[in-house]
Amino acid sequence: GTGHYLPPNIVTNREIERRGGLEPLSLDRARSGVTERRFAADDERASAMAAAAARQALEAAGVAPESLTCIVHASGTPEQCLPDGGPLLQRELGLGGSGIRAFSVHATCLSFLVGL
């Protein structure tokens, strides 16, 4: 199953141009393929966002979280150094004392591919 999470704070190309002092339409969709970005709020933690996406994926697959044997957290944006994202995600899923292995893969933008 697959899942996703999008922070509710939408920032458009025009806003990025304004903030960055860029010329209007310099971030045109035709050039970048992007029209907006989602910015996490100060109180939105990476592990909570990952857990929301993981819950969707588990539900779509019809898999109970307790039946997992390993949690691979693949991200280029660590929440903190120790404990790393894998155990933080495990805790957010309510599996903190489960004994399910949990670890992270950090490979910048390629983390997802490396994690596979």
Foldseek 3Di string as FASTA:
>chain_A
DWFAAAAPAKDFPQNVCVVVVHDPCPVPCVVVVDGIHGDHDPPDAPLLRVLRGVVVVCVVVVHDPLPAQEAEAFDQDWRDVPPTSFLSNCVSNVNNPSPRHTDYAHDHPCRVVVSD
